[in-house]
Amino acid sequence: MRVRPTRHGSRARTRIRPKHADATTGFVTAIDRGRYTCLVDGTEVVAMKARELGRKGVAVCDRVALVGEVGGGPDALARIVRVEPRASVLRRTADDTDPIERVIVANADQLVIVTALADPQPRARLIDRCLVAAYDAGLHPLLCLTKADLAPAEQLLEIYRPLGVDYVVTRRGGDLDDLRGQLAGRMSVLVGHSGVGKSTLVNALVPTAERVTGQVNPVTGRGRHVSASAVALELPGGGWVIDTPGVRSFGLAHVDLARVIHAFPDLEAGTEECPRGCTHDEPECALDAWVAAGQADPARLASLRRLLATRERHEGD
């Protein structure tokens, strides 16, 4: 009688996993079809996820532990055995009902919301949604308005001035000194619609980037996706910039809107008298009395409520 070999061999399974105490630290700069480009002491190393990571995801700008062929080379392939704790995570969902979160980038400290002033036209709803995501993730928001040679910036800036959001305005062929100053020494992720000029900015900031740029469709007014995945690039003057694919929606299903108030310290103190579960846009909200007593600017409260309401509206409205 022939005995068939067991499917998993004769070795007993164990829950004990190696600790990989001697693993090398790497920094993920790009992801392409299951292969992760990691920077190890200035050398690019290609790696894959180890089986023990299971379904744990790896994102651009993650700090990871690597074993195996960590010296780099054309045929070398290392293994990612551990993802180090993240300082921040920027996420989005496909829409406000989608339970699946998509991690855009890890460990960033600044969200640069890139918006063209024309060609394509600015969409305030997407800006609002990105601001909510930035506040929820604990990122510093920066509004970057491009193509100022085609349209003035003042009308759009007037909307966001009460929020106190930092901003820079750029034009085609103009200098980027103000933007460079805002990016220096920071880990900045660029987010915006296709065609607003993210990759053009990155190519100007990092001359060796060679990011592909696209044109705006003259019929639909929308840009064409040219960046297929996020990539982190080191800035010549220090810091990192992460170019991301253009987005047409920014779902906030993962966001606890109660956390957004933390970005408004002048208003947060006035919520102490709010009823439990207050959404800050209902008749019993204590913020109305707080503002009426002169404790905060009414424009700030109006801006907060606009941001809180944006989850109930589509960004294309």
Protein backbone atom coordinates (compact mmCIF):
# COMPACT_ATOMS: atom_id res chain seq x y z
CA MET A 1 0.00 0.00 0.00
CA ARG A 2 1.40 3.37 -1.01
CA VAL A 3 1.19 6.21 1.50
CA ARG A 4 0.65 9.60 -0.07
CA PRO A 5 2.82 12.41 1.27
CA THR A 6 1.02 15.03 3.31
CA ARG A 7 0.27 18.30 1.61
CA HIS A 8 2.41 20.40 3.92
CA GLY A 9 5.21 17.89 4.47
CA SER A 10 6.07 16.12 7.67
CA ARG A 11 7.33 19.10 9.66
CA ALA A 12 4.89 20.23 12.34
CA ARG A 13 3.56 23.75 12.10
CA THR A 14 4.52 26.32 14.71
CA ARG A 15 3.19 29.73 15.71
CA ILE A 16 6.69 30.89 16.55
CA ARG A 17 8.03 33.28 13.94
CA PRO A 18 11.64 34.43 13.58
CA LYS A 19 12.31 37.83 15.14
CA HIS A 20 14.81 38.88 12.44
CA ALA A 21 16.79 40.89 14.98
CA ASP A 22 19.60 41.35 12.43
CA ALA A 23 17.28 42.71 9.70
CA THR A 24 18.37 45.78 7.72
CA THR A 25 16.25 48.94 7.81
CA GLY A 26 14.87 50.22 4.52
CA PHE A 27 12.64 53.06 3.32
CA VAL A 28 9.98 52.25 0.69
CA THR A 29 10.11 54.73 -2.21
CA ALA A 30 7.94 53.00 -4.83
CA ILE A 31 5.63 50.02 -5.34
CA ASP A 32 5.09 48.23 -8.66
CA ARG A 33 3.11 45.00 -9.06
CA GLY A 34 4.14 43.42 -5.80
CA ARG A 35 7.73 44.63 -5.91
CA TYR A 36 8.87 47.27 -3.44
CA THR A 37 11.76 49.62 -4.15
CA CYS A 38 13.51 50.36 -0.86
CA LEU A 39 16.34 52.71 -0.06
CA VAL A 40 19.05 51.14 2.13
CA ASP A 41 21.96 53.42 3.00
CA GLY A 42 21.56 55.23 -0.32
CA THR A 43 21.27 52.03 -2.39
CA GLU A 44 18.05 50.95 -4.10
CA VAL A 45 16.98 47.44 -3.16
CA VAL A 46 14.04 45.58 -4.70
CA ALA A 47 12.05 43.48 -2.23
CA MET A 48 8.90 41.43 -1.90
CA LYS A 49 6.66 40.85 1.10
CA ALA A 50 7.55 37.87 3.26
CA ARG A 51 4.84 35.31 3.88
CA GLU A 52 4.79 36.02 7.61
CA LEU A 53 3.47 39.54 6.96
CA GLY A 54 0.19 37.97 5.84
CA ARG A 55 -2.28 40.61 4.67
CA LYS A 56 -0.46 43.47 6.34
CA GLY A 57 0.00 46.14 3.70
CA VAL A 58 3.16 48.02 2.81
CA ALA A 59 2.88 51.64 1.65
CA VAL A 60 5.18 54.19 0.10
CA CYS A 61 7.31 55.88 2.82
CA ASP A 62 6.97 52.91 5.17
CA ARG A 63 10.08 52.06 7.15
CA VAL A 64 10.60 48.32 6.88
CA ALA A 65 12.93 45.55 8.03
CA LEU A 66 14.65 43.64 5.21
CA VAL A 67 16.45 40.31 5.06
CA GLY A 68 18.07 38.41 2.24
CA GLU A 69 19.82 40.14 -0.65
CA VAL A 70 19.93 43.67 0.76
CA GLY A 71 23.01 44.78 -1.19
CA GLY A 72 21.05 45.66 -4.29
CA GLY A 73 21.95 44.63 -7.83
CA PRO A 74 20.02 43.80 -11.02
CA ASP A 75 18.91 40.31 -9.93
CA ALA A 76 18.85 40.74 -6.15
CA LEU A 77 15.55 40.33 -4.31
CA ALA A 78 15.19 40.99 -0.59
CA ARG A 79 12.24 40.21 1.69
CA ILE A 80 10.25 42.64 3.82
CA VAL A 81 9.72 40.88 7.14
CA ARG A 82 8.43 43.74 9.25
CA VAL A 83 6.74 47.12 8.86
CA GLU A 84 7.83 49.55 11.55
CA PRO A 85 5.19 51.59 13.45
CA ARG A 86 3.86 54.49 11.39
CA ALA A 87 3.87 58.11 12.54
CA SER A 88 0.89 58.91 10.28
CA VAL A 89 -1.27 57.30 7.61
CA LEU A 90 -3.10 59.15 4.84
CA ARG A 91 -6.05 57.08 3.63
CA ARG A 92 -9.00 57.42 1.31
CA THR A 93 -11.93 55.30 0.21
CA ALA A 94 -13.56 55.08 -3.21
CA ASP A 95 -16.65 56.84 -1.84
CA ASP A 96 -18.32 57.59 1.49
CA THR A 97 -19.94 54.14 1.69
CA ASP A 98 -16.92 52.03 0.73
CA PRO A 99 -15.61 50.10 3.78
CA ILE A 100 -12.25 49.40 2.10
CA GLU A 101 -9.54 51.89 3.03
CA ARG A 102 -6.74 52.61 0.58
CA VAL A 103 -3.49 53.80 2.13
CA ILE A 104 -2.01 56.56 -0.02
CA VAL A 105 1.19 57.10 1.94
CA ALA A 106 2.64 56.45 5.39
CA ASN A 107 4.73 58.69 7.65
CA ALA A 108 4.06 61.94 5.77
CA ASP A 109 3.77 65.14 7.81
CA GLN A 110 2.37 67.49 5.15
CA LEU A 111 -0.48 67.15 2.63
CA VAL A 112 -0.04 69.41 -0.40
CA ILE A 113 -3.44 69.86 -2.07
CA VAL A 114 -2.59 70.76 -5.67
CA THR A 115 -5.36 72.62 -7.49
CA ALA A 116 -5.27 74.33 -10.87
CA LEU A 117 -6.94 77.73 -11.07
CA ALA A 118 -8.02 76.86 -14.62
CA ASP A 119 -7.69 74.01 -17.13
CA PRO A 120 -9.14 72.11 -15.26
CA GLN A 121 -11.35 74.31 -13.12
CA PRO A 122 -10.84 74.10 -9.33
CA ARG A 123 -13.22 71.85 -7.40
CA ALA A 124 -13.72 73.19 -3.91
CA ARG A 125 -15.43 70.00 -2.69
CA LEU A 126 -12.30 67.95 -3.33
CA ILE A 127 -10.19 70.55 -1.54
CA ASP A 128 -12.56 70.37 1.44
CA ARG A 129 -12.37 66.58 1.50
CA CYS A 130 -8.57 66.62 1.36
CA LEU A 131 -8.52 69.08 4.25
CA VAL A 132 -10.74 66.77 6.31
CA ALA A 133 -8.43 63.84 5.52
CA ALA A 134 -5.37 65.92 6.48
CA TYR A 135 -6.87 67.00 9.80
CA ASP A 136 -7.96 63.42 10.54
CA ALA A 137 -4.48 62.05 9.78
CA GLY A 138 -2.69 64.79 11.72
CA LEU A 139 -0.98 66.22 8.63
CA HIS A 140 -0.21 69.88 8.02
CA PRO A 141 -2.26 71.01 4.98
CA LEU A 142 -0.75 73.22 2.28
CA LEU A 143 -2.83 74.57 -0.60
CA CYS A 144 -0.82 74.77 -3.83
CA LEU A 145 -2.59 76.73 -6.57
CA THR A 146 -1.13 76.19 -10.04
CA LYS A 147 -1.61 77.90 -13.45
CA ALA A 148 -2.02 81.38 -11.96
CA ASP A 149 -1.13 82.69 -15.43
CA LEU A 150 -4.57 81.49 -16.61
CA ALA A 151 -6.79 82.76 -13.76
CA PRO A 152 -6.47 84.83 -10.55
CA ALA A 153 -6.16 83.07 -7.20
CA GLU A 154 -7.92 85.57 -4.92
CA GLN A 155 -11.48 84.23 -5.29
CA LEU A 156 -10.48 80.71 -4.26
CA LEU A 157 -8.18 81.93 -1.50
CA GLU A 158 -11.02 83.95 -0.01
CA ILE A 159 -12.90 80.71 0.67
CA TYR A 160 -10.03 79.17 2.66
CA ARG A 161 -8.61 82.27 4.36
CA PRO A 162 -10.76 81.78 7.52
CA LEU A 163 -9.26 78.31 7.93
CA GLY A 164 -5.77 79.73 8.16
CA VAL A 165 -4.48 77.20 5.62
CA ASP A 166 -0.99 77.94 4.30
CA TYR A 167 -0.83 78.37 0.54
CA VAL A 168 1.50 78.97 -2.39
CA VAL A 169 0.58 80.20 -5.86
CA THR A 170 2.56 79.11 -8.92
CA ARG A 171 2.43 79.89 -12.61
CA ARG A 172 3.81 78.13 -15.66
CA GLY A 173 7.45 79.07 -16.11
CA GLY A 174 7.58 80.90 -12.77
CA ASP A 175 9.98 80.24 -9.92
CA LEU A 176 9.09 77.78 -7.17
CA ASP A 177 11.04 79.35 -4.31
CA ASP A 178 7.97 79.74 -2.09
CA LEU A 179 6.99 76.11 -2.65
CA ARG A 180 10.53 74.89 -2.03
CA GLY A 181 10.53 76.78 1.25
CA GLN A 182 7.31 75.04 2.36
CA LEU A 183 8.65 71.60 1.39
CA ALA A 184 12.16 71.87 2.81
CA GLY A 185 12.85 69.30 5.50
CA ARG A 186 9.34 67.81 5.37
CA MET A 187 7.74 64.62 4.09
CA SER A 188 5.12 66.05 1.72
CA VAL A 189 2.53 64.13 -0.28
CA LEU A 190 0.96 65.79 -3.33
CA VAL A 191 -2.73 65.05 -3.97
CA GLY A 192 -5.07 66.47 -6.60
CA HIS A 193 -7.10 65.87 -9.74
CA SER A 194 -5.41 64.62 -12.90
CA GLY A 195 -4.10 67.47 -15.01
CA VAL A 196 -3.55 70.00 -12.20
CA GLY A 197 0.24 69.83 -12.58
CA LYS A 198 1.49 67.55 -9.79
CA SER A 199 4.03 65.73 -11.94
CA THR A 200 5.09 68.98 -13.62
CA LEU A 201 5.87 70.43 -10.20
CA VAL A 202 7.77 67.30 -9.17
CA ASN A 203 9.90 67.42 -12.34
CA ALA A 204 10.77 71.04 -11.60
CA LEU A 205 11.56 70.32 -7.94
CA VAL A 206 13.52 67.11 -8.64
CA PRO A 207 15.20 67.42 -12.07
CA THR A 208 16.04 63.70 -12.18
CA ALA A 209 12.44 62.60 -11.48
CA GLU A 210 11.33 62.32 -15.14
CA ARG A 211 7.67 61.95 -14.17
CA VAL A 212 5.33 61.66 -17.17
CA THR A 213 3.00 64.63 -17.64
CA GLY A 214 -0.35 64.71 -19.46
CA GLN A 215 -2.80 67.08 -21.07
CA VAL A 216 -6.32 68.12 -20.03
CA ASN A 217 -9.14 66.87 -22.27
CA PRO A 218 -10.62 70.01 -23.92
CA VAL A 219 -14.10 68.43 -24.06
CA THR A 220 -14.49 67.05 -20.52
CA GLY A 221 -12.14 69.46 -18.78
CA ARG A 222 -10.56 66.51 -16.95
CA GLY A 223 -6.98 65.40 -16.91
CA ARG A 224 -5.75 62.02 -18.01
CA HIS A 225 -4.13 59.67 -15.49
CA VAL A 226 -0.39 59.52 -16.22
CA SER A 227 1.07 58.53 -12.81
CA ALA A 228 0.18 54.90 -12.17
CA SER A 229 1.43 54.72 -8.60
CA ALA A 230 2.85 56.84 -5.81
CA VAL A 231 6.59 57.44 -5.72
CA ALA A 232 8.75 59.19 -3.10
CA LEU A 233 11.57 61.42 -4.32
CA GLU A 234 14.25 63.14 -2.26
CA LEU A 235 14.43 66.91 -2.66
CA PRO A 236 17.85 68.42 -3.44
CA GLY A 237 17.54 70.83 -0.51
CA GLY A 238 16.38 68.22 2.01
CA GLY A 239 13.02 66.59 2.57
CA TRP A 240 10.89 64.29 0.45
CA VAL A 241 8.03 64.80 -1.98
CA ILE A 242 5.57 62.02 -2.87
CA ASP A 243 3.86 62.23 -6.26
CA THR A 244 0.55 60.34 -6.39
CA PRO A 245 -1.84 59.34 -9.19
CA GLY A 246 -4.59 61.86 -9.95
CA VAL A 247 -7.82 61.28 -8.05
CA ARG A 248 -11.39 61.90 -9.17
CA SER A 249 -12.94 61.05 -5.83
CA PHE A 250 -11.77 61.17 -2.23
CA GLY A 251 -14.04 59.09 -0.03
CA LEU A 252 -14.09 59.77 3.71
CA ALA A 253 -15.82 56.61 4.96
CA HIS A 254 -12.86 55.93 7.27
CA VAL A 255 -12.87 59.38 8.89
CA ASP A 256 -14.28 60.02 12.33
CA LEU A 257 -15.56 63.55 11.79
CA ALA A 258 -15.43 64.16 15.55
CA ARG A 259 -11.64 64.31 15.21
CA VAL A 260 -11.77 67.19 12.73
CA ILE A 261 -12.62 69.62 15.53
CA HIS A 262 -9.12 69.06 16.98
CA ALA A 263 -7.73 71.12 14.09
CA PHE A 264 -9.76 74.10 15.33
CA PRO A 265 -8.40 74.83 18.83
CA ASP A 266 -10.21 78.17 18.97
CA LEU A 267 -13.52 76.33 18.49
CA GLU A 268 -12.75 73.08 20.33
CA ALA A 269 -12.86 74.80 23.71
CA GLY A 270 -16.45 75.85 22.98
CA THR A 271 -17.64 72.26 22.51
CA GLU A 272 -17.46 71.46 26.22
CA GLU A 273 -21.13 72.43 26.62
CA CYS A 274 -22.28 70.54 23.51
CA PRO A 275 -24.71 67.65 24.07
CA ARG A 276 -23.26 64.16 23.81
CA GLY A 277 -22.86 63.10 20.19
CA CYS A 278 -23.21 66.65 18.90
CA THR A 279 -22.34 66.94 15.22
CA HIS A 280 -21.72 70.70 15.61
CA ASP A 281 -24.31 71.62 12.99
CA GLU A 282 -27.51 71.14 15.03
CA PRO A 283 -29.65 73.65 16.98
CA GLU A 284 -28.34 72.49 20.39
CA CYS A 285 -24.69 72.97 19.42
CA ALA A 286 -22.90 75.15 21.97
CA LEU A 287 -20.60 76.62 19.33
CA ASP A 288 -23.25 79.13 18.26
CA ALA A 289 -23.29 80.67 21.74
CA TRP A 290 -19.48 80.48 21.89
CA VAL A 291 -19.16 82.51 18.70
CA ALA A 292 -21.98 84.91 19.68
CA ALA A 293 -20.05 85.69 22.88
CA GLY A 294 -17.09 86.79 20.77
CA GLN A 295 -14.88 83.82 21.68
CA ALA A 296 -14.21 82.88 18.04
CA ASP A 297 -14.59 84.19 14.50
CA PRO A 298 -17.99 83.33 12.92
CA ALA A 299 -16.20 82.64 9.63
CA ARG A 300 -14.19 79.89 11.33
CA LEU A 301 -17.35 78.17 12.51
CA ALA A 302 -18.90 78.44 9.06
CA SER A 303 -15.77 76.89 7.54
CA LEU A 304 -15.76 74.05 10.07
CA ARG A 305 -19.39 73.25 9.32
CA ARG A 306 -18.72 73.33 5.60
CA LEU A 307 -15.94 70.77 6.03
CA LEU A 308 -18.09 68.55 8.25
CA ALA A 309 -20.90 68.65 5.69
CA THR A 310 -18.65 67.74 2.77
CA ARG A 311 -18.87 64.04 3.64
CA GLU A 312 -22.58 64.16 2.77
CA ARG A 313 -21.95 65.75 -0.63
CA HIS A 314 -20.15 64.67 -3.76
CA GLU A 315 -16.93 66.50 -4.47
CA GLY A 316 -18.01 67.19 -8.04
CA ASP A 317 -20.97 69.30 -6.91
